[in-house]
Structure formats: C-alpha cells, structure tokens
C-alpha cells in the first residue's frame, strides 16, 4: 500500500440496483464525499442484459471445474461492457457533479487493475472443454492513476483489468473494489446491492466476523452473495477495517443503522 494522504471511502455500486438509487441516496453520498474522497466501482449486469437478450441466456454464464461462475467474455463482450459502462458513467458523473462533487471515470485496465491468467477449462454441454474466456483474477492494484484522492472528488472505476499478456479482461467488480480499497488505504468498503442484509437461515445478520462469514460463504451462500463475502474477506486481509453490505444510503451503512457489517474480529 502506498502512502496516500486522503484514504477514500470505496463504494461498489451493484449493476442490478444502480437504476433504483433515488435522488436522496445521491444527496447522501455527495455529503459524505465532501468529507472524504470517493472511489466508486460499478457493476454492469442489468444494463448489459438490457443491451441484448443474449446476455440473459444461460449460455452466457460459464462454470469452471471448481464450480465458480463467470460471464463468458469475448472481445465482443468487452466492447459491449465498455458501451454500457460509458452510458452508465455519464449518468453517475452527472448526478455527482449536480451535487458539487467533481468526478471522473477510469477503466481499471488503464493501469489501475492487474489480472492473472484466467481459468481455461469450463463446463459446456455437460463436458469440460478448453475455452478462451477473457476473465482473470486480480493480482494487484496500482493506485498511481488516482491522482486526485481528495474530499470533493470522486472516481468511477469500470472494473476491467489488464493481464500479463497485455489483454484486456473482465474481472469481478466486488473483488476489484476490495483490491482498490486495500491499495488506497481505505478504512471502509461499502458493497451496495439490492438486498438489505446478509441472510443466514432466513434471518438478517447485523454484524459478523470475517471467519464466520467465510464459513457461511463456503457452506451456505450462493450466487452474488458468495462473491461479495469472498470480496469482503479479501478487503479485510488487505487492511480494510470494515466491509458493509446493504441497500441503504452510505451514511446509514457506515453508521451500522442497517446492513451487515463484517469485521476481522
């Protein structure tokens, strides 16, 4: 981690919930952003599905030999991700600038996020086959492109990455947010999603340790929540003090008035 004068609050905006965040949510974020720098990392699942019906088809998602899911990413998919992210980014930046937060958008693949080689064996038609899938696990974040980490300014990061071969690859937005939070010295990572709390046995969880969250991740969590819990553990391992998952305004999540708080102990 580099010596950063103003560590930011890192907020991951779920692609499934972005359109549902109303004006009061953005008012609250802007008030927080006047006190702390903001790094927002966005998803794109909902706008990508709206772009083309093929992104809602089961064949658009692959499962590897370990059971992990991934979007089948080709150069054409990367181009579509950039298309929907540019439109989404314009809207987010407009909302922030209307509230006196200066803002700029960055592609993670432009020197911010590095990725390793991705898995090559995937289940297809009930067989494990070798496929080129342009995804990769995050291996590091270089915060140097974040030159304006200061109160009143926000970055919006599109979580693409660059692998060791120079290819632009898709990567998980939650885990990208976790890596960026660790690299910038953030004390808090907020994962804004479309559910109010982590649920275990149908009951909302207000606070949980990283160890207990990892146990539930491996034994009971499914889908998107499993990825969020993995990202939470990685953020805490990188020095972040708290990860909060929820659907409320950022100030309410930071004050633990709602959502699920995950801590190391």
C-alpha atoms as a PDB file:
ATOM      1  CA  UNK A   1       0.000   0.000   0.000  1.00  0.00           C
ATOM      2  CA  UNK A   2       1.309   3.449  -0.890  1.00  0.00           C
ATOM      3  CA  UNK A   3       1.301   6.478   1.410  1.00  0.00           C
ATOM      4  CA  UNK A   4      -1.955   8.209   0.446  1.00  0.00           C
ATOM      5  CA  UNK A   5      -2.779  11.492   2.164  1.00  0.00           C
ATOM      6  CA  UNK A   6      -6.559  11.162   1.927  1.00  0.00           C
ATOM      7  CA  UNK A   7      -7.655   7.499   2.021  1.00  0.00           C
ATOM      8  CA  UNK A   8     -11.030   7.214   0.287  1.00  0.00           C
ATOM      9  CA  UNK A   9     -14.271   5.504   1.053  1.00  0.00           C
ATOM     10  CA  UNK A  10     -14.692   2.804  -1.594  1.00  0.00           C
ATOM     11  CA  UNK A  11     -18.240   2.058  -2.701  1.00  0.00           C
ATOM     12  CA  UNK A  12     -19.182  -0.765  -5.046  1.00  0.00           C
ATOM     13  CA  UNK A  13     -22.430   0.002  -6.883  1.00  0.00           C
ATOM     14  CA  UNK A  14     -24.213  -3.181  -7.925  1.00  0.00           C
ATOM     15  CA  UNK A  15     -25.257  -3.249 -11.573  1.00  0.00           C
ATOM     16  CA  UNK A  16     -28.643  -4.656 -10.572  1.00  0.00           C
ATOM     17  CA  UNK A  17     -29.502  -1.735  -8.271  1.00  0.00           C
ATOM     18  CA  UNK A  18     -27.963   1.374  -9.853  1.00  0.00           C
ATOM     19  CA  UNK A  19     -31.167   2.466 -11.578  1.00  0.00           C
ATOM     20  CA  UNK A  20     -33.076   2.206  -8.280  1.00  0.00           C
ATOM     21  CA  UNK A  21     -30.895   4.643  -6.304  1.00  0.00           C
ATOM     22  CA  UNK A  22     -33.003   7.788  -5.946  1.00  0.00           C
ATOM     23  CA  UNK A  23     -32.013  11.422  -5.528  1.00  0.00           C
ATOM     24  CA  UNK A  24     -31.844  11.252  -1.745  1.00  0.00           C
ATOM     25  CA  UNK A  25     -29.337   8.379  -1.983  1.00  0.00           C
ATOM     26  CA  UNK A  26     -27.075  10.519  -4.190  1.00  0.00           C
ATOM     27  CA  UNK A  27     -27.566  13.546  -1.899  1.00  0.00           C
ATOM     28  CA  UNK A  28     -26.302  11.450   0.995  1.00  0.00           C
ATOM     29  CA  UNK A  29     -23.319  10.160  -0.992  1.00  0.00           C
ATOM     30  CA  UNK A  30     -22.375  13.697  -2.003  1.00  0.00           C
ATOM     31  CA  UNK A  31     -22.458  14.892   1.610  1.00  0.00           C
ATOM     32  CA  UNK A  32     -20.085  12.088   2.546  1.00  0.00           C
ATOM     33  CA  UNK A  33     -17.941  12.905  -0.487  1.00  0.00           C
ATOM     34  CA  UNK A  34     -17.403  16.447   0.726  1.00  0.00           C
ATOM     35  CA  UNK A  35     -15.592  14.989   3.743  1.00  0.00           C
ATOM     36  CA  UNK A  36     -13.785  12.000   2.213  1.00  0.00           C
ATOM     37  CA  UNK A  37     -12.555  11.128  -1.285  1.00  0.00           C
ATOM     38  CA  UNK A  38     -14.772   8.622  -3.081  1.00  0.00           C
ATOM     39  CA  UNK A  39     -13.847   5.710  -5.304  1.00  0.00           C
ATOM     40  CA  UNK A  40     -16.938   4.131  -6.850  1.00  0.00           C
ATOM     41  CA  UNK A  41     -16.668   0.780  -8.605  1.00  0.00           C
ATOM     42  CA  UNK A  42     -19.695  -0.121 -10.696  1.00  0.00           C
ATOM     43  CA  UNK A  43     -21.261  -3.317 -11.948  1.00  0.00           C
ATOM     44  CA  UNK A  44     -23.000  -3.636 -15.304  1.00  0.00           C
ATOM     45  CA  UNK A  45     -25.182  -6.753 -15.128  1.00  0.00           C
ATOM     46  CA  UNK A  46     -28.572  -5.090 -15.605  1.00  0.00           C
ATOM     47  CA  UNK A  47     -27.606  -2.646 -18.404  1.00  0.00           C
ATOM     48  CA  UNK A  48     -25.725  -5.417 -20.225  1.00  0.00           C
ATOM     49  CA  UNK A  49     -28.824  -7.617 -20.170  1.00  0.00           C
ATOM     50  CA  UNK A  50     -30.885  -4.669 -21.420  1.00  0.00           C
ATOM     51  CA  UNK A  51     -28.469  -4.202 -24.336  1.00  0.00           C
ATOM     52  CA  UNK A  52     -29.085  -7.664 -25.801  1.00  0.00           C
ATOM     53  CA  UNK A  53     -31.278 -10.677 -24.906  1.00  0.00           C
ATOM     54  CA  UNK A  54     -28.286 -12.986 -25.363  1.00  0.00           C
ATOM     55  CA  UNK A  55     -26.818 -11.750 -22.069  1.00  0.00           C
ATOM     56  CA  UNK A  56     -29.788 -13.219 -20.209  1.00  0.00           C
ATOM     57  CA  UNK A  57     -29.407 -16.666 -21.750  1.00  0.00           C
ATOM     58  CA  UNK A  58     -27.959 -19.496 -19.609  1.00  0.00           C
ATOM     59  CA  UNK A  59     -25.178 -19.986 -22.171  1.00  0.00           C
ATOM     60  CA  UNK A  60     -23.845 -16.506 -21.321  1.00  0.00           C
ATOM     61  CA  UNK A  61     -22.603 -17.849 -17.967  1.00  0.00           C
ATOM     62  CA  UNK A  62     -19.869 -20.452 -17.641  1.00  0.00           C
ATOM     63  CA  UNK A  63     -18.972 -22.630 -14.660  1.00  0.00           C
ATOM     64  CA  UNK A  64     -15.401 -23.793 -14.164  1.00  0.00           C
ATOM     65  CA  UNK A  65     -14.200 -27.159 -12.847  1.00  0.00           C
ATOM     66  CA  UNK A  66     -14.217 -25.764  -9.295  1.00  0.00           C
ATOM     67  CA  UNK A  67     -17.835 -24.621  -9.500  1.00  0.00           C
ATOM     68  CA  UNK A  68     -17.122 -20.899  -9.896  1.00  0.00           C
ATOM     69  CA  UNK A  69     -19.354 -18.941 -12.265  1.00  0.00           C
ATOM     70  CA  UNK A  70     -18.154 -16.381 -14.796  1.00  0.00           C
ATOM     71  CA  UNK A  71     -19.624 -14.459 -17.702  1.00  0.00           C
ATOM     72  CA  UNK A  72     -18.349 -15.907 -20.974  1.00  0.00           C
ATOM     73  CA  UNK A  73     -16.263 -12.951 -22.117  1.00  0.00           C
ATOM     74  CA  UNK A  74     -15.075 -12.480 -25.691  1.00  0.00           C
ATOM     75  CA  UNK A  75     -13.656  -9.316 -27.317  1.00  0.00           C
ATOM     76  CA  UNK A  76     -17.228  -8.507 -28.395  1.00  0.00           C
ATOM     77  CA  UNK A  77     -18.436  -8.760 -24.795  1.00  0.00           C
ATOM     78  CA  UNK A  78     -15.611  -6.455 -23.646  1.00  0.00           C
ATOM     79  CA  UNK A  79     -16.775  -3.932 -26.270  1.00  0.00           C
ATOM     80  CA  UNK A  80     -20.389  -4.196 -25.054  1.00  0.00           C
ATOM     81  CA  UNK A  81     -19.280  -3.770 -21.429  1.00  0.00           C
ATOM     82  CA  UNK A  82     -17.481  -0.573 -22.457  1.00  0.00           C
ATOM     83  CA  UNK A  83     -20.572   0.657 -24.317  1.00  0.00           C
ATOM     84  CA  UNK A  84     -22.980   0.231 -21.402  1.00  0.00           C
ATOM     85  CA  UNK A  85     -20.375   1.438 -18.897  1.00  0.00           C
ATOM     86  CA  UNK A  86     -19.830   4.670 -20.835  1.00  0.00           C
ATOM     87  CA  UNK A  87     -23.555   5.444 -20.753  1.00  0.00           C
ATOM     88  CA  UNK A  88     -23.801   4.473 -17.096  1.00  0.00           C
ATOM     89  CA  UNK A  89     -20.729   6.533 -16.295  1.00  0.00           C
ATOM     90  CA  UNK A  90     -22.143   9.668 -17.877  1.00  0.00           C
ATOM     91  CA  UNK A  91     -25.232   9.380 -15.686  1.00  0.00           C
ATOM     92  CA  UNK A  92     -23.265   8.769 -12.467  1.00  0.00           C
ATOM     93  CA  UNK A  93     -20.886  11.657 -13.149  1.00  0.00           C
ATOM     94  CA  UNK A  94     -23.835  13.946 -13.941  1.00  0.00           C
ATOM     95  CA  UNK A  95     -25.518  13.076 -10.639  1.00  0.00           C
ATOM     96  CA  UNK A  96     -22.325  13.760  -8.688  1.00  0.00           C
ATOM     97  CA  UNK A  97     -21.470  16.994 -10.439  1.00  0.00           C
ATOM     98  CA  UNK A  98     -25.004  18.288  -9.872  1.00  0.00           C
ATOM     99  CA  UNK A  99     -24.192  17.886  -6.175  1.00  0.00           C
ATOM    100  CA  UNK A 100     -20.854  19.729  -6.316  1.00  0.00           C
ATOM    101  CA  UNK A 101     -18.654  16.619  -6.428  1.00  0.00           C
ATOM    102  CA  UNK A 102     -16.131  16.722  -9.254  1.00  0.00           C
ATOM    103  CA  UNK A 103     -15.834  13.303 -10.833  1.00  0.00           C
ATOM    104  CA  UNK A 104     -14.001  11.340 -13.493  1.00  0.00           C
ATOM    105  CA  UNK A 105     -14.248   7.846 -14.905  1.00  0.00           C
ATOM    106  CA  UNK A 106     -11.379   5.368 -15.195  1.00  0.00           C
ATOM    107  CA  UNK A 107     -11.107   1.991 -16.849  1.00  0.00           C
ATOM    108  CA  UNK A 108      -9.405  -0.409 -14.474  1.00  0.00           C
ATOM    109  CA  UNK A 109      -7.491  -1.719 -17.491  1.00  0.00           C
ATOM    110  CA  UNK A 110      -5.800   1.671 -17.959  1.00  0.00           C
ATOM    111  CA  UNK A 111      -3.025   0.956 -15.471  1.00  0.00           C
ATOM    112  CA  UNK A 112      -5.121   0.579 -12.322  1.00  0.00           C
ATOM    113  CA  UNK A 113      -6.028  -3.128 -12.038  1.00  0.00           C
ATOM    114  CA  UNK A 114      -3.784  -6.055 -12.972  1.00  0.00           C
ATOM    115  CA  UNK A 115      -5.019  -9.596 -13.515  1.00  0.00           C
ATOM    116  CA  UNK A 116      -3.510 -13.046 -13.709  1.00  0.00           C
ATOM    117  CA  UNK A 117      -4.186 -15.740 -16.245  1.00  0.00           C
ATOM    118  CA  UNK A 118      -7.745 -16.987 -16.149  1.00  0.00           C
ATOM    119  CA  UNK A 119      -9.133 -20.498 -15.923  1.00  0.00           C
ATOM    120  CA  UNK A 120      -9.236 -22.277 -19.300  1.00  0.00           C
ATOM    121  CA  UNK A 121     -11.414 -25.318 -18.556  1.00  0.00           C
ATOM    122  CA  UNK A 122     -15.179 -24.791 -18.407  1.00  0.00           C
ATOM    123  CA  UNK A 123     -18.295 -26.919 -18.382  1.00  0.00           C
ATOM    124  CA  UNK A 124     -20.200 -26.780 -21.688  1.00  0.00           C
ATOM    125  CA  UNK A 125     -22.892 -29.238 -22.722  1.00  0.00           C
ATOM    126  CA  UNK A 126     -22.020 -31.335 -19.659  1.00  0.00           C
ATOM    127  CA  UNK A 127     -18.381 -31.641 -20.693  1.00  0.00           C
ATOM    128  CA  UNK A 128     -15.230 -29.889 -19.540  1.00  0.00           C
ATOM    129  CA  UNK A 129     -13.826 -28.115 -22.584  1.00  0.00           C
ATOM    130  CA  UNK A 130     -10.983 -25.669 -23.086  1.00  0.00           C
ATOM    131  CA  UNK A 131     -12.288 -22.202 -23.900  1.00  0.00           C
ATOM    132  CA  UNK A 132     -10.699 -18.798 -24.178  1.00  0.00           C
ATOM    133  CA  UNK A 133     -12.624 -16.736 -21.670  1.00  0.00           C
ATOM    134  CA  UNK A 134     -11.315 -13.192 -21.209  1.00  0.00           C
ATOM    135  CA  UNK A 135     -11.528 -13.094 -17.438  1.00  0.00           C
ATOM    136  CA  UNK A 136      -8.767 -13.079 -14.863  1.00  0.00           C
ATOM    137  CA  UNK A 137      -8.213 -12.998 -11.111  1.00  0.00           C
ATOM    138  CA  UNK A 138      -6.957  -9.690  -9.719  1.00  0.00           C
ATOM    139  CA  UNK A 139      -3.264  -9.807  -8.861  1.00  0.00           C
ATOM    140  CA  UNK A 140      -2.709  -6.192  -7.879  1.00  0.00           C
ATOM    141  CA  UNK A 141      -3.796  -2.563  -7.995  1.00  0.00           C
ATOM    142  CA  UNK A 142      -1.542   0.383  -8.784  1.00  0.00           C
ATOM    143  CA  UNK A 143      -3.223   3.463  -7.261  1.00  0.00           C
ATOM    144  CA  UNK A 144      -0.983   5.858  -9.215  1.00  0.00           C
ATOM    145  CA  UNK A 145      -3.768   6.798 -11.709  1.00  0.00           C
ATOM    146  CA  UNK A 146      -5.881   8.013  -8.764  1.00  0.00           C
ATOM    147  CA  UNK A 147      -4.110  11.363  -8.659  1.00  0.00           C
ATOM    148  CA  UNK A 148      -6.952  13.362  -7.049  1.00  0.00           C
ATOM    149  CA  UNK A 149      -7.832  11.424  -3.917  1.00  0.00           C
ATOM    150  CA  UNK A 150      -9.203  14.398  -2.045  1.00  0.00           C
ATOM    151  CA  UNK A 151     -12.509  15.429  -0.464  1.00  0.00           C
ATOM    152  CA  UNK A 152     -14.964  16.742  -3.035  1.00  0.00           C
ATOM    153  CA  UNK A 153     -13.663  14.494  -5.804  1.00  0.00           C
ATOM    154  CA  UNK A 154     -14.811  11.043  -6.930  1.00  0.00           C
ATOM    155  CA  UNK A 155     -13.527   8.386  -9.280  1.00  0.00           C
ATOM    156  CA  UNK A 156     -15.851   5.969 -11.047  1.00  0.00           C
ATOM    157  CA  UNK A 157     -13.982   2.777 -11.943  1.00  0.00           C
ATOM    158  CA  UNK A 158     -15.100   0.325 -14.613  1.00  0.00           C
ATOM    159  CA  UNK A 159     -13.682  -2.994 -13.328  1.00  0.00           C
ATOM    160  CA  UNK A 160     -11.822  -4.238 -16.360  1.00  0.00           C
ATOM    161  CA  UNK A 161      -8.205  -5.299 -15.915  1.00  0.00           C
ATOM    162  CA  UNK A 162      -5.049  -5.998 -17.899  1.00  0.00           C
ATOM    163  CA  UNK A 163      -3.360  -9.410 -17.695  1.00  0.00           C
ATOM    164  CA  UNK A 164       0.301 -10.256 -18.036  1.00  0.00           C
ATOM    165  CA  UNK A 165      -0.085 -10.741 -21.790  1.00  0.00           C
ATOM    166  CA  UNK A 166      -1.494  -7.255 -22.181  1.00  0.00           C
ATOM    167  CA  UNK A 167      -5.028  -8.469 -22.838  1.00  0.00           C
ATOM    168  CA  UNK A 168      -7.976  -6.504 -21.524  1.00  0.00           C
ATOM    169  CA  UNK A 169     -10.066  -8.833 -19.372  1.00  0.00           C
ATOM    170  CA  UNK A 170     -13.275  -8.885 -17.364  1.00  0.00           C
ATOM    171  CA  UNK A 171     -12.958  -9.246 -13.616  1.00  0.00           C
ATOM    172  CA  UNK A 172     -15.323  -9.396 -10.653  1.00  0.00           C
ATOM    173  CA  UNK A 173     -16.472  -5.917  -9.582  1.00  0.00           C
ATOM    174  CA  UNK A 174     -16.804  -6.755  -5.864  1.00  0.00           C
ATOM    175  CA  UNK A 175     -13.309  -8.186  -5.716  1.00  0.00           C
ATOM    176  CA  UNK A 176     -11.945  -5.267  -7.754  1.00  0.00           C
ATOM    177  CA  UNK A 177     -13.463  -2.886  -5.202  1.00  0.00           C
ATOM    178  CA  UNK A 178     -11.842  -4.899  -2.404  1.00  0.00           C
ATOM    179  CA  UNK A 179      -8.426  -4.729  -4.048  1.00  0.00           C
ATOM    180  CA  UNK A 180      -8.741  -0.990  -4.698  1.00  0.00           C
ATOM    181  CA  UNK A 181      -9.816  -0.396  -1.102  1.00  0.00           C
ATOM    182  CA  UNK A 182      -6.755  -2.229   0.173  1.00  0.00           C
ATOM    183  CA  UNK A 183      -4.365  -0.466  -2.204  1.00  0.00           C
ATOM    184  CA  UNK A 184      -5.636   3.007  -1.297  1.00  0.00           C
ATOM    185  CA  UNK A 185      -5.688   2.514   2.477  1.00  0.00           C
ATOM    186  CA  UNK A 186      -9.482   2.779   2.731  1.00  0.00           C
ATOM    187  CA  UNK A 187     -10.886   2.030   6.172  1.00  0.00           C
ATOM    188  CA  UNK A 188     -14.332   1.150   4.820  1.00  0.00           C
ATOM    189  CA  UNK A 189     -15.618  -0.780   1.820  1.00  0.00           C
ATOM    190  CA  UNK A 190     -19.338  -0.452   1.107  1.00  0.00           C
ATOM    191  CA  UNK A 191     -20.977  -3.061  -1.137  1.00  0.00           C
ATOM    192  CA  UNK A 192     -24.284  -1.538  -2.259  1.00  0.00           C
ATOM    193  CA  UNK A 193     -26.619  -4.208  -3.543  1.00  0.00           C
ATOM    194  CA  UNK A 194     -30.343  -4.933  -3.911  1.00  0.00           C
ATOM    195  CA  UNK A 195     -30.691  -6.747  -0.574  1.00  0.00           C
ATOM    196  CA  UNK A 196     -30.836  -5.056   2.823  1.00  0.00           C
ATOM    197  CA  UNK A 197     -28.736  -7.583   4.761  1.00  0.00           C
ATOM    198  CA  UNK A 198     -26.838 -10.818   4.588  1.00  0.00           C
ATOM    199  CA  UNK A 199     -29.359 -13.528   5.463  1.00  0.00           C
ATOM    200  CA  UNK A 200     -28.439 -16.731   7.276  1.00  0.00           C
ATOM    201  CA  UNK A 201     -31.236 -19.266   7.760  1.00  0.00           C
ATOM    202  CA  UNK A 202     -33.628 -16.571   6.589  1.00  0.00           C
ATOM    203  CA  UNK A 203     -32.639 -14.146   9.346  1.00  0.00           C
ATOM    204  CA  UNK A 204     -30.881 -10.790   8.758  1.00  0.00           C
ATOM    205  CA  UNK A 205     -27.343 -10.581  10.122  1.00  0.00           C
ATOM    206  CA  UNK A 206     -26.336  -7.183  11.506  1.00  0.00           C
ATOM    207  CA  UNK A 207     -22.685  -7.988  12.312  1.00  0.00           C
ATOM    208  CA  UNK A 208     -20.415 -10.945  11.587  1.00  0.00           C
ATOM    209  CA  UNK A 209     -16.705 -11.735  11.777  1.00  0.00           C
ATOM    210  CA  UNK A 210     -14.651 -12.488   8.717  1.00  0.00           C
ATOM    211  CA  UNK A 211     -14.155 -16.077   9.908  1.00  0.00           C
ATOM    212  CA  UNK A 212     -17.884 -16.715  10.346  1.00  0.00           C
ATOM    213  CA  UNK A 213     -18.640 -15.011   7.019  1.00  0.00           C
ATOM    214  CA  UNK A 214     -16.104 -17.248   5.247  1.00  0.00           C
ATOM    215  CA  UNK A 215     -17.624 -20.358   6.806  1.00  0.00           C
ATOM    216  CA  UNK A 216     -21.091 -19.350   5.601  1.00  0.00           C
ATOM    217  CA  UNK A 217     -19.688 -18.432   2.178  1.00  0.00           C
ATOM    218  CA  UNK A 218     -18.290 -21.929   1.713  1.00  0.00           C
ATOM    219  CA  UNK A 219     -21.261 -23.818   3.149  1.00  0.00           C
ATOM    220  CA  UNK A 220     -24.434 -21.814   2.574  1.00  0.00           C
ATOM    221  CA  UNK A 221     -24.006 -18.717   0.404  1.00  0.00           C
ATOM    222  CA  UNK A 222     -24.887 -18.805  -3.274  1.00  0.00           C
ATOM    223  CA  UNK A 223     -24.554 -16.630  -6.370  1.00  0.00           C
ATOM    224  CA  UNK A 224     -23.747 -12.971  -5.931  1.00  0.00           C
ATOM    225  CA  UNK A 225     -23.622 -13.089  -2.129  1.00  0.00           C
ATOM    226  CA  UNK A 226     -20.923 -15.747  -2.239  1.00  0.00           C
ATOM    227  CA  UNK A 227     -18.765 -13.391  -4.332  1.00  0.00           C
ATOM    228  CA  UNK A 228     -19.470 -10.481  -2.004  1.00  0.00           C
ATOM    229  CA  UNK A 229     -18.382 -12.466   1.034  1.00  0.00           C
ATOM    230  CA  UNK A 230     -15.204 -13.527  -0.762  1.00  0.00           C
ATOM    231  CA  UNK A 231     -14.530  -9.885  -1.642  1.00  0.00           C
ATOM    232  CA  UNK A 232     -15.176  -8.850   1.955  1.00  0.00           C
ATOM    233  CA  UNK A 233     -12.604 -11.328   3.239  1.00  0.00           C
ATOM    234  CA  UNK A 234     -10.033 -10.144   0.696  1.00  0.00           C
ATOM    235  CA  UNK A 235     -10.613  -6.497   1.651  1.00  0.00           C
ATOM    236  CA  UNK A 236     -10.125  -7.228   5.345  1.00  0.00           C
ATOM    237  CA  UNK A 237      -6.977  -9.218   4.566  1.00  0.00           C
ATOM    238  CA  UNK A 238      -5.660  -6.150   2.726  1.00  0.00           C
ATOM    239  CA  UNK A 239      -6.082  -3.906   5.771  1.00  0.00           C
ATOM    240  CA  UNK A 240      -9.612  -2.534   5.336  1.00  0.00           C
ATOM    241  CA  UNK A 241     -11.232  -2.235   8.766  1.00  0.00           C
ATOM    242  CA  UNK A 242     -14.876  -2.842   7.883  1.00  0.00           C
ATOM    243  CA  UNK A 243     -16.963  -4.083   4.988  1.00  0.00           C
ATOM    244  CA  UNK A 244     -20.657  -3.232   4.942  1.00  0.00           C
ATOM    245  CA  UNK A 245     -23.213  -4.920   2.678  1.00  0.00           C
ATOM    246  CA  UNK A 246     -26.649  -3.382   2.184  1.00  0.00           C
ATOM    247  CA  UNK A 247     -29.068  -1.348   0.092  1.00  0.00           C
ATOM    248  CA  UNK A 248     -29.327   1.864   2.152  1.00  0.00           C
ATOM    249  CA  UNK A 249     -27.641   5.284   1.874  1.00  0.00           C
ATOM    250  CA  UNK A 250     -23.917   5.204   2.558  1.00  0.00           C
ATOM    251  CA  UNK A 251     -24.166   7.215   5.803  1.00  0.00           C
ATOM    252  CA  UNK A 252     -26.667   4.713   7.236  1.00  0.00           C
ATOM    253  CA  UNK A 253     -24.451   1.788   6.259  1.00  0.00           C
ATOM    254  CA  UNK A 254     -21.345   3.427   7.743  1.00  0.00           C
ATOM    255  CA  UNK A 255     -23.215   4.146  10.986  1.00  0.00           C
ATOM    256  CA  UNK A 256     -24.394   0.488  11.078  1.00  0.00           C
ATOM    257  CA  UNK A 257     -28.024   1.619  11.282  1.00  0.00           C
ATOM    258  CA  UNK A 258     -28.783  -1.022   8.681  1.00  0.00           C
ATOM    259  CA  UNK A 259     -26.944  -3.532   6.508  1.00  0.00           C
ATOM    260  CA  UNK A 260     -24.435  -6.197   7.556  1.00  0.00           C
ATOM    261  CA  UNK A 261     -21.057  -5.171   8.983  1.00  0.00           C
ATOM    262  CA  UNK A 262     -18.153  -7.590   8.535  1.00  0.00           C
ATOM    263  CA  UNK A 263     -15.024  -7.112  10.639  1.00  0.00           C
ATOM    264  CA  UNK A 264     -11.827  -9.075  11.185  1.00  0.00           C
ATOM    265  CA  UNK A 265     -12.761  -9.939  14.802  1.00  0.00           C
END
